Amino acid sequence: MRRVLMIAYHFPPMAGGSGIQRTLRFVQHLPSCGWEPLVLTVHPRAYERTGSDLLREVPEGVVVHRAFALDTARHLSVAGRYFGSMARPDRWVSWRLGAIPEGLRMIRQYKPDVIWSTYPIATAHSIAAELHARTKLPWIADFRDPMAQDGYPSDPKTWKSFKRIEESAVHGARYSVFTTPGAVRMYRQRYPEAADRIVLLENGYDEESFTGITARQPLVPGAVVLLHSGIVYPEERDPRPLFVALARLKEAGVIQPENFRLRFRAALHEALLRGLAQEHGLDAFVEICPPVGYREALEEMMRADALLVMQSSGCNDQIPAKIYEYLRANRPILGLADPGGDTAGVMRNAGLEAIARLDSADEIEQLLPRFLNSLREGSATLPLRDAVERSSRRGRTASLLPLLEAAASGGEIPVVRARG
């Protein structure tokens, strides 16, 4: 059996965020495909929140080494302040101190065939680049999201560090992997000399996680509940226009607290949401709920009347990983996203057309009453079954295999093309 050293910050017992699912599910499914995963991650102290629910899903016997790492903001700041260089490229840059020697020990002991690293966090690619340079093992850089973008990161020095790591990965890795067609197009244009090594491997959902979960009673009897499960980023998923639209619909009598609720689960930026609810007189309509275990979150999705996905036009080349779990939950989805972006593309490919621009209160105000009526009448569109089946994590692992095999053998690059 061949082996792959997987360098990932997001790994159990970290709690919160859907990014943890990508590495975890590869780790679960690779052994049945003839590959043994070896995980190099951070010490749990580096996580802001931890939980045991996903830790139980790490297969027994999987090699997991947790290297020294600190969160600069929580562990190294004085009165909440620290030097910018201490968090560049990110707050977990100290992970390099423990991960490089630990990675070299793992390579000597287990002799992996391939190194695989995943961003975000940028430090993961920095570690992989060093291990690749020292050992000459082939490297696959899994970006998930674009790194150095226009205006992101906003700090010029941090942007330069992102750019250096990005260039090192694209030029040094055997493959650079992205999760959306738009990101693949962007990076092939940015690095035309590496275009044939920039490939698509989308996110997905894990079928096994849904085993035994059934949609029981509705979340709020008598009311339509629109659920947003996951982080609400103030810029990338700015909810302000949605609150403006809801306030207008409240004033027009289209929605009342007894027949409509907007629920945010594990939004992180809870103060922002509470402030918006108070500002627009929507306290009776908006529920802000704390994080729950992963399976509890999936059950809540299946019990909701509809699911809400938000993505700004500035993130057109990104797709929230949560949307694939939304598809598997088999509920109607309201998409507040640019119709020309990849998030809207995923919805349309699944037969879902309830889409309005996130930054347009007018469009949301026009769409939402029609969408709510369709829910009450039982005529709302559900995701196409074949689109759901294509999005399983087991299927995504099968797509990873040709990359691992070609990297390990030095063979020809398999054709993995972006759609659209």
Protein backbone atom coordinates (compact mmCIF):
# COMPACT_ATOMS: atom_id res chain seq x y z
CA MET A 1 0.00 0.00 0.00
CA ARG A 2 1.32 3.44 -0.94
CA ARG A 3 1.40 6.27 1.57
CA VAL A 4 0.63 9.99 1.46
CA LEU A 5 1.76 12.48 4.11
CA MET A 6 -1.17 14.88 4.58
CA ILE A 7 -0.33 18.26 6.10
CA ALA A 8 -3.51 19.91 7.35
CA TYR A 9 -4.34 22.46 10.04
CA HIS A 10 -8.06 21.63 9.87
CA PHE A 11 -8.41 18.21 11.52
CA PRO A 12 -10.25 16.78 14.54
CA PRO A 13 -10.56 17.71 17.36
CA MET A 14 -10.95 21.14 15.79
CA ALA A 15 -14.60 22.26 16.00
CA GLY A 16 -16.37 24.70 13.73
CA GLY A 17 -16.17 25.33 10.02
CA SER A 18 -16.75 22.94 7.14
CA GLY A 19 -13.10 23.02 5.99
CA ILE A 20 -12.28 20.18 8.39
CA GLN A 21 -14.35 17.79 6.28
CA ARG A 22 -12.07 17.69 3.22
CA THR A 23 -9.02 16.15 4.89
CA LEU A 24 -11.03 13.99 7.29
CA ARG A 25 -13.03 12.35 4.51
CA PHE A 26 -9.95 11.71 2.37
CA VAL A 27 -8.39 10.06 5.40
CA GLN A 28 -11.47 7.87 5.78
CA HIS A 29 -11.74 6.76 2.15
CA LEU A 30 -8.14 6.51 0.92
CA PRO A 31 -7.29 3.18 2.61
CA SER A 32 -10.00 1.37 0.65
CA CYS A 33 -8.36 2.75 -2.51
CA GLY A 34 -4.90 1.39 -1.68
CA TRP A 35 -3.42 4.50 -0.07
CA GLU A 36 -2.48 4.89 3.61
CA PRO A 37 -2.86 8.47 4.90
CA LEU A 38 -0.33 9.86 7.39
CA VAL A 39 -1.58 13.06 9.01
CA LEU A 40 0.64 15.91 10.20
CA THR A 41 -1.46 18.51 11.98
CA VAL A 42 -1.28 20.98 14.89
CA HIS A 43 -1.44 20.44 18.64
CA PRO A 44 -5.07 20.94 19.77
CA ARG A 45 -4.06 24.04 21.76
CA ALA A 46 -3.84 25.88 18.42
CA TYR A 47 -7.61 25.62 17.90
CA GLU A 48 -9.99 28.20 19.28
CA ARG A 49 -12.64 25.50 19.81
CA THR A 50 -12.39 21.72 20.04
CA GLY A 51 -14.92 18.91 20.11
CA SER A 52 -14.94 15.13 20.26
CA ASP A 53 -17.69 14.32 17.75
CA LEU A 54 -15.50 14.32 14.63
CA LEU A 55 -12.51 12.93 16.52
CA ARG A 56 -14.48 9.71 16.79
CA GLU A 57 -14.66 9.57 12.99
CA VAL A 58 -10.89 9.36 12.49
CA PRO A 59 -10.39 5.68 11.54
CA GLU A 60 -8.68 3.55 14.15
CA GLY A 61 -5.02 2.98 13.38
CA VAL A 62 -4.52 6.09 11.23
CA VAL A 63 -1.14 7.68 11.95
CA VAL A 64 -1.73 11.22 13.26
CA HIS A 65 1.16 13.37 14.53
CA ARG A 66 0.30 16.68 16.21
CA ALA A 67 3.22 19.09 16.05
CA PHE A 68 3.94 22.07 18.29
CA ALA A 69 1.86 25.11 17.27
CA LEU A 70 0.57 28.26 18.91
CA ASP A 71 -2.06 30.79 17.91
CA THR A 72 -0.23 34.11 17.93
CA ALA A 73 -3.36 36.09 18.84
CA ARG A 74 -4.22 33.92 21.85
CA HIS A 75 -0.83 32.69 23.06
CA LEU A 76 1.76 35.31 22.14
CA SER A 77 -0.01 38.65 22.36
CA VAL A 78 0.46 41.17 25.14
CA ALA A 79 -2.69 43.11 26.05
CA GLY A 80 -4.17 41.85 22.80
CA ARG A 81 -1.31 43.18 20.66
CA TYR A 82 1.53 41.47 18.78
CA PHE A 83 4.00 42.23 16.02
CA GLY A 84 2.65 41.61 12.52
CA SER A 85 5.66 39.46 11.67
CA MET A 86 4.51 37.01 14.36
CA ALA A 87 1.37 36.24 12.34
CA ARG A 88 2.72 36.18 8.82
CA PRO A 89 1.50 34.46 6.70
CA ASP A 90 -1.03 33.57 9.42
CA ARG A 91 -1.43 33.29 13.18
CA TRP A 92 -0.17 29.70 13.17
CA VAL A 93 3.22 30.34 11.59
CA SER A 94 4.82 28.83 14.74
CA TRP A 95 3.56 25.48 13.45
CA ARG A 96 6.59 25.43 11.14
CA LEU A 97 8.89 25.11 14.16
CA GLY A 98 7.37 21.80 15.15
CA ALA A 99 6.04 20.51 11.84
CA ILE A 100 9.23 20.54 9.77
CA PRO A 101 11.30 18.33 12.11
CA GLU A 102 8.25 16.19 12.85
CA GLY A 103 7.52 15.84 9.14
CA LEU A 104 11.10 14.78 8.45
CA ARG A 105 10.84 12.15 11.20
CA MET A 106 7.60 10.85 9.71
CA ILE A 107 9.18 10.68 6.26
CA ARG A 108 12.15 8.70 7.59
CA GLN A 109 9.91 6.34 9.56
CA TYR A 110 6.99 5.77 7.20
CA LYS A 111 8.55 6.56 3.80
CA PRO A 112 5.52 8.18 2.13
CA ASP A 113 5.29 8.33 -1.66
CA VAL A 114 3.66 11.77 -1.87
CA ILE A 115 3.31 14.92 0.24
CA TRP A 116 -0.13 16.59 0.25
CA SER A 117 -0.85 19.93 1.92
CA THR A 118 -4.03 21.95 2.12
CA TYR A 119 -4.77 25.70 2.37
CA PRO A 120 -6.16 27.55 4.22
CA ILE A 121 -3.94 27.75 6.47
CA ALA A 122 -1.05 29.16 4.35
CA THR A 123 1.55 27.81 6.76
CA ALA A 124 0.61 24.27 5.67
CA HIS A 125 1.94 24.96 2.15
CA SER A 126 5.03 26.60 3.66
CA ILE A 127 5.76 23.43 5.63
CA ALA A 128 5.16 21.21 2.60
CA ALA A 129 7.44 23.34 0.43
CA GLU A 130 10.29 22.89 2.92
CA LEU A 131 9.74 19.13 3.24
CA HIS A 132 9.56 18.81 -0.55
CA ALA A 133 12.80 20.77 -0.95
CA ARG A 134 14.63 18.62 1.60
CA THR A 135 13.35 15.21 0.53
CA LYS A 136 12.46 15.67 -3.16
CA LEU A 137 9.21 13.80 -2.56
CA PRO A 138 6.48 14.79 -5.05
CA TRP A 139 4.04 17.32 -3.63
CA ILE A 140 0.37 18.04 -4.27
CA ALA A 141 -0.77 21.51 -3.10
CA ASP A 142 -4.48 21.61 -2.33
CA PHE A 143 -5.53 25.26 -2.38
CA ARG A 144 -9.30 24.95 -1.93
CA ASP A 145 -9.59 28.77 -2.15
CA PRO A 146 -7.46 31.28 -4.09
CA MET A 147 -4.61 32.72 -2.01
CA ALA A 148 -3.22 36.13 -3.05
CA GLN A 149 -6.15 38.10 -4.43
CA ASP A 150 -6.84 41.75 -5.23
CA GLY A 151 -7.12 43.39 -1.83
CA TYR A 152 -6.72 40.14 0.09
CA PRO A 153 -4.94 39.88 2.42
CA SER A 154 -5.33 43.59 3.05
CA ASP A 155 -1.96 43.99 4.78
CA PRO A 156 0.67 44.47 2.03
CA LYS A 157 3.36 42.45 3.83
CA THR A 158 0.98 39.58 4.47
CA TRP A 159 -0.12 39.71 0.82
CA LYS A 160 3.50 39.40 -0.27
CA SER A 161 4.01 36.39 1.98
CA PHE A 162 0.89 34.79 0.52
CA LYS A 163 2.18 35.49 -2.97
CA ARG A 164 5.56 33.92 -2.22
CA ILE A 165 3.96 30.79 -0.82
CA GLU A 166 1.52 30.60 -3.72
CA GLU A 167 4.30 30.87 -6.30
CA SER A 168 6.37 28.28 -4.45
CA ALA A 169 3.45 25.86 -4.49
CA VAL A 170 2.40 26.36 -8.10
CA HIS A 171 5.96 26.05 -9.38
CA GLY A 172 7.19 23.37 -6.97
CA ALA A 173 4.19 21.07 -6.57
CA ARG A 174 3.43 18.34 -9.05
CA TYR A 175 -0.21 19.49 -9.00
CA SER A 176 -2.02 22.53 -7.66
CA VAL A 177 -5.59 21.58 -6.81
CA PHE A 178 -8.59 23.94 -6.59
CA THR A 179 -12.21 23.33 -5.66
CA THR A 180 -14.02 25.53 -8.19
CA PRO A 181 -13.93 25.97 -11.98
CA GLY A 182 -13.43 29.72 -11.59
CA ALA A 183 -10.36 29.31 -9.41
CA VAL A 184 -8.86 26.87 -11.92
CA ARG A 185 -9.41 29.36 -14.75
CA MET A 186 -7.93 32.19 -12.69
CA TYR A 187 -4.77 30.29 -11.80
CA ARG A 188 -4.24 28.90 -15.27
CA GLN A 189 -4.31 32.48 -16.52
CA ARG A 190 -2.05 33.67 -13.71
CA TYR A 191 0.47 30.85 -14.21
CA PRO A 192 0.20 29.77 -17.86
CA GLU A 193 3.51 27.89 -17.65
CA ALA A 194 1.91 25.58 -15.05
CA ALA A 195 -1.59 25.44 -16.57
CA ASP A 196 -1.51 21.69 -17.26
CA ARG A 197 -0.67 21.04 -13.58
CA ILE A 198 -3.56 23.14 -12.20
CA VAL A 199 -6.57 20.90 -11.71
CA LEU A 200 -10.10 20.76 -10.30
CA LEU A 201 -11.16 18.63 -7.33
CA GLU A 202 -14.41 19.91 -5.86
CA ASN A 203 -15.64 19.64 -2.29
CA GLY A 204 -18.50 17.31 -1.41
CA TYR A 205 -20.50 15.67 1.35
CA ASP A 206 -19.93 12.46 3.26
CA GLU A 207 -22.77 9.97 2.81
CA GLU A 208 -21.81 7.99 5.90
CA SER A 209 -22.34 11.06 8.08
CA PHE A 210 -26.01 11.09 7.11
CA THR A 211 -26.53 7.43 8.04
CA GLY A 212 -29.36 7.07 10.53
CA ILE A 213 -30.35 10.74 10.37
CA THR A 214 -34.00 11.35 9.52
CA ALA A 215 -35.96 14.55 9.18
CA ARG A 216 -38.29 14.39 12.15
CA GLN A 217 -40.68 17.12 13.28
CA PRO A 218 -40.26 20.63 11.81
CA LEU A 219 -37.97 23.03 13.60
CA VAL A 220 -40.74 25.51 14.43
CA PRO A 221 -44.25 24.09 13.94
CA GLY A 222 -46.40 26.43 11.88
CA ALA A 223 -43.54 28.60 10.70
CA VAL A 224 -41.25 28.43 7.70
CA VAL A 225 -37.66 28.22 8.95
CA LEU A 226 -34.88 29.41 6.62
CA LEU A 227 -31.59 28.08 8.01
CA HIS A 228 -28.07 29.36 7.46
CA SER A 229 -25.66 26.81 8.92
CA GLY A 230 -22.08 28.02 9.33
CA ILE A 231 -19.97 31.13 9.53
CA VAL A 232 -21.36 34.47 8.34
CA TYR A 233 -18.34 36.46 7.17
CA PRO A 234 -19.03 40.23 7.41
CA GLU A 235 -17.61 40.90 3.95
CA GLU A 236 -17.70 37.66 1.96
CA ARG A 237 -21.23 36.82 3.22
CA ASP A 238 -22.49 40.28 4.19
CA PRO A 239 -26.06 39.80 5.50
CA ARG A 240 -27.01 43.50 5.61
CA PRO A 241 -29.05 43.61 2.36
CA LEU A 242 -30.95 40.51 3.49
CA PHE A 243 -31.95 42.26 6.72
CA VAL A 244 -33.03 45.34 4.75
CA ALA A 245 -35.22 43.18 2.53
CA LEU A 246 -36.73 41.37 5.50
CA ALA A 247 -37.55 44.66 7.21
CA ARG A 248 -39.41 45.80 4.09
CA LEU A 249 -41.35 42.54 3.92
CA LYS A 250 -42.23 42.85 7.59
CA GLU A 251 -43.56 46.37 7.07
CA ALA A 252 -45.60 45.15 4.09
CA GLY A 253 -47.09 42.34 6.19
CA VAL A 254 -45.61 39.63 3.97
CA ILE A 255 -43.88 37.95 6.91
CA GLN A 256 -44.89 37.70 10.58
CA PRO A 257 -43.02 36.13 13.49
CA GLU A 258 -45.54 33.31 13.72
CA ASN A 259 -45.03 32.21 10.09
CA PHE A 260 -41.36 32.93 9.31
CA ARG A 261 -38.02 32.55 11.08
CA LEU A 262 -34.46 33.10 9.87
CA ARG A 263 -32.11 30.89 11.89
CA PHE A 264 -28.33 31.29 11.99
CA ARG A 265 -26.42 28.32 13.37
CA ALA A 266 -22.77 28.71 14.41
CA ALA A 267 -22.46 32.06 12.61
CA LEU A 268 -19.43 33.15 14.69
CA HIS A 269 -20.07 36.87 14.13
CA GLU A 270 -23.11 36.83 16.37
CA ALA A 271 -22.82 40.44 17.56
CA LEU A 272 -23.17 41.64 13.97
CA LEU A 273 -26.34 39.63 13.46
CA ARG A 274 -27.90 40.72 16.75
CA GLY A 275 -27.12 44.33 15.94
CA LEU A 276 -28.75 44.04 12.51
CA ALA A 277 -31.82 42.34 13.96
CA GLN A 278 -32.26 45.13 16.49
CA GLU A 279 -31.57 47.87 13.96
CA HIS A 280 -34.25 46.59 11.57
CA GLY A 281 -36.80 45.51 14.17
CA LEU A 282 -36.39 41.84 13.35
CA ASP A 283 -35.64 40.38 16.79
CA ALA A 284 -38.80 38.27 16.68
CA PHE A 285 -37.85 36.84 13.28
CA VAL A 286 -34.16 36.07 13.73
CA GLU A 287 -32.73 33.18 15.78
CA ILE A 288 -29.00 33.16 16.51
CA CYS A 289 -27.97 29.71 17.73
CA PRO A 290 -24.65 28.35 19.08
CA PRO A 291 -22.58 25.60 17.45
CA VAL A 292 -23.72 22.00 17.81
CA GLY A 293 -22.15 18.65 16.92
CA TYR A 294 -21.69 17.81 13.27
CA ARG A 295 -24.46 15.21 13.04
CA GLU A 296 -26.81 17.50 14.97
CA ALA A 297 -26.09 20.20 12.41
CA LEU A 298 -26.87 17.80 9.56
CA GLU A 299 -30.14 16.77 11.20
CA GLU A 300 -31.09 20.42 11.59
CA MET A 301 -30.49 20.98 7.88
CA MET A 302 -32.81 18.09 7.05
CA ARG A 303 -35.52 19.46 9.37
CA ALA A 304 -35.35 23.03 8.07
CA ASP A 305 -37.97 24.15 5.56
CA ALA A 306 -35.23 25.65 3.40
CA LEU A 307 -31.51 26.36 3.50
CA LEU A 308 -29.72 29.64 2.88
CA VAL A 309 -26.36 30.04 1.16
CA MET A 310 -24.67 33.45 0.90
CA GLN A 311 -21.66 34.41 -1.21
CA SER A 312 -20.56 37.85 -2.38
CA SER A 313 -19.65 38.69 -5.98
CA GLY A 314 -16.07 39.17 -4.79
CA CYS A 315 -15.99 35.43 -4.13
CA ASN A 316 -17.34 34.30 -7.50
CA ASP A 317 -14.48 31.83 -7.87
CA GLN A 318 -15.24 30.19 -4.52
CA ILE A 319 -17.99 27.83 -3.38
CA PRO A 320 -18.94 27.40 0.29
CA ALA A 321 -18.23 23.76 1.15
CA LYS A 322 -21.48 23.72 3.12
CA ILE A 323 -23.54 23.79 -0.08
CA TYR A 324 -22.75 20.14 -0.82
CA GLU A 325 -24.18 19.11 2.55
CA TYR A 326 -27.18 21.31 1.74
CA LEU A 327 -27.68 19.35 -1.48
CA ARG A 328 -27.52 16.02 0.36
CA ALA A 329 -29.99 17.27 2.98
CA ASN A 330 -32.49 17.39 0.09
CA ARG A 331 -34.11 20.65 1.07
CA PRO A 332 -34.96 23.69 -1.08
CA ILE A 333 -32.08 26.17 -1.22
CA LEU A 334 -32.20 29.96 -1.43
CA GLY A 335 -29.00 31.27 -2.97
CA LEU A 336 -27.92 34.86 -2.35
CA ALA A 337 -25.01 35.04 -4.77
CA ASP A 338 -23.90 36.53 -8.05
CA PRO A 339 -25.75 34.63 -10.85
CA GLY A 340 -22.47 34.52 -12.79
CA GLY A 341 -20.43 33.01 -9.96
CA ASP A 342 -19.52 29.41 -9.20
CA THR A 343 -21.87 29.15 -6.20
CA ALA A 344 -24.87 29.98 -8.39
CA GLY A 345 -23.47 27.54 -10.94
CA VAL A 346 -23.59 24.68 -8.44
CA MET A 347 -27.21 25.52 -7.69
CA ARG A 348 -28.24 25.65 -11.34
CA ASN A 349 -26.44 22.37 -12.05
CA ALA A 350 -28.65 20.89 -9.32
CA GLY A 351 -31.80 22.34 -10.88
CA LEU A 352 -32.18 25.12 -8.31
CA GLU A 353 -33.09 28.59 -9.58
CA ALA A 354 -33.98 30.59 -6.44
CA ILE A 355 -31.03 32.97 -6.77
CA ALA A 356 -30.69 36.70 -6.02
CA ARG A 357 -27.63 38.88 -5.65
CA LEU A 358 -26.41 39.05 -2.06
CA ASP A 359 -25.74 42.79 -2.32
CA SER A 360 -29.20 43.67 -3.73
CA ALA A 361 -31.93 44.18 -1.15
CA ASP A 362 -34.33 44.84 -4.04
CA GLU A 363 -33.68 41.45 -5.67
CA ILE A 364 -33.97 39.65 -2.33
CA GLU A 365 -37.23 41.47 -1.57
CA GLN A 366 -38.67 40.37 -4.92
CA LEU A 367 -37.52 36.75 -4.70
CA LEU A 368 -38.23 35.89 -1.08
CA PRO A 369 -42.07 36.08 -1.14
CA ARG A 370 -42.22 33.76 -4.18
CA PHE A 371 -39.80 31.37 -2.52
CA LEU A 372 -41.75 31.33 0.76
CA ASN A 373 -45.03 30.74 -1.08
CA SER A 374 -43.53 27.76 -2.88
CA LEU A 375 -42.44 26.33 0.47
CA ARG A 376 -45.90 26.76 1.98
CA GLU A 377 -47.56 25.23 -1.08
CA GLY A 378 -45.12 22.31 -1.17
CA SER A 379 -43.99 23.18 -4.71
CA ALA A 380 -40.44 24.34 -3.97
CA THR A 381 -37.77 22.69 -6.12
CA LEU A 382 -35.52 20.08 -4.55
CA PRO A 383 -31.96 19.29 -5.74
CA LEU A 384 -31.66 16.90 -8.67
CA ARG A 385 -30.78 13.42 -7.46
CA ASP A 386 -27.94 12.83 -9.93
CA ALA A 387 -26.33 16.17 -9.00
CA VAL A 388 -26.42 15.11 -5.35
CA GLU A 389 -24.87 11.72 -6.05
CA ARG A 390 -22.01 13.28 -8.04
CA SER A 391 -21.05 15.36 -5.01
CA SER A 392 -20.20 12.58 -2.55
CA ARG A 393 -16.82 12.64 -0.77
CA ARG A 394 -16.22 9.02 -1.78
CA GLY A 395 -16.49 10.12 -5.39
CA ARG A 396 -14.12 13.03 -4.77
CA THR A 397 -11.58 10.62 -3.26
CA ALA A 398 -11.78 8.54 -6.44
CA SER A 399 -10.91 11.73 -8.35
CA LEU A 400 -7.89 12.31 -6.10
CA LEU A 401 -6.41 8.87 -6.83
CA PRO A 402 -5.15 9.59 -10.40
CA LEU A 403 -3.30 12.64 -9.05
CA LEU A 404 -1.66 10.62 -6.27
CA GLU A 405 -0.72 7.81 -8.63
CA ALA A 406 0.73 10.12 -11.26
CA ALA A 407 2.64 12.13 -8.66
CA ALA A 408 4.08 9.00 -7.08
CA SER A 409 5.06 7.37 -10.35
CA GLY A 410 6.13 10.46 -12.26
CA GLY A 411 3.74 9.43 -15.00
CA GLU A 412 1.71 11.56 -17.34
CA ILE A 413 -0.73 14.03 -15.89
CA PRO A 414 -4.35 12.84 -16.00
CA VAL A 415 -6.79 15.15 -17.74
CA VAL A 416 -8.88 16.83 -15.04
CA ARG A 417 -10.68 19.74 -16.60
CA ALA A 418 -12.74 22.50 -15.03
CA ARG A 419 -16.33 22.79 -16.16
CA GLY A 420 -17.71 26.01 -17.59
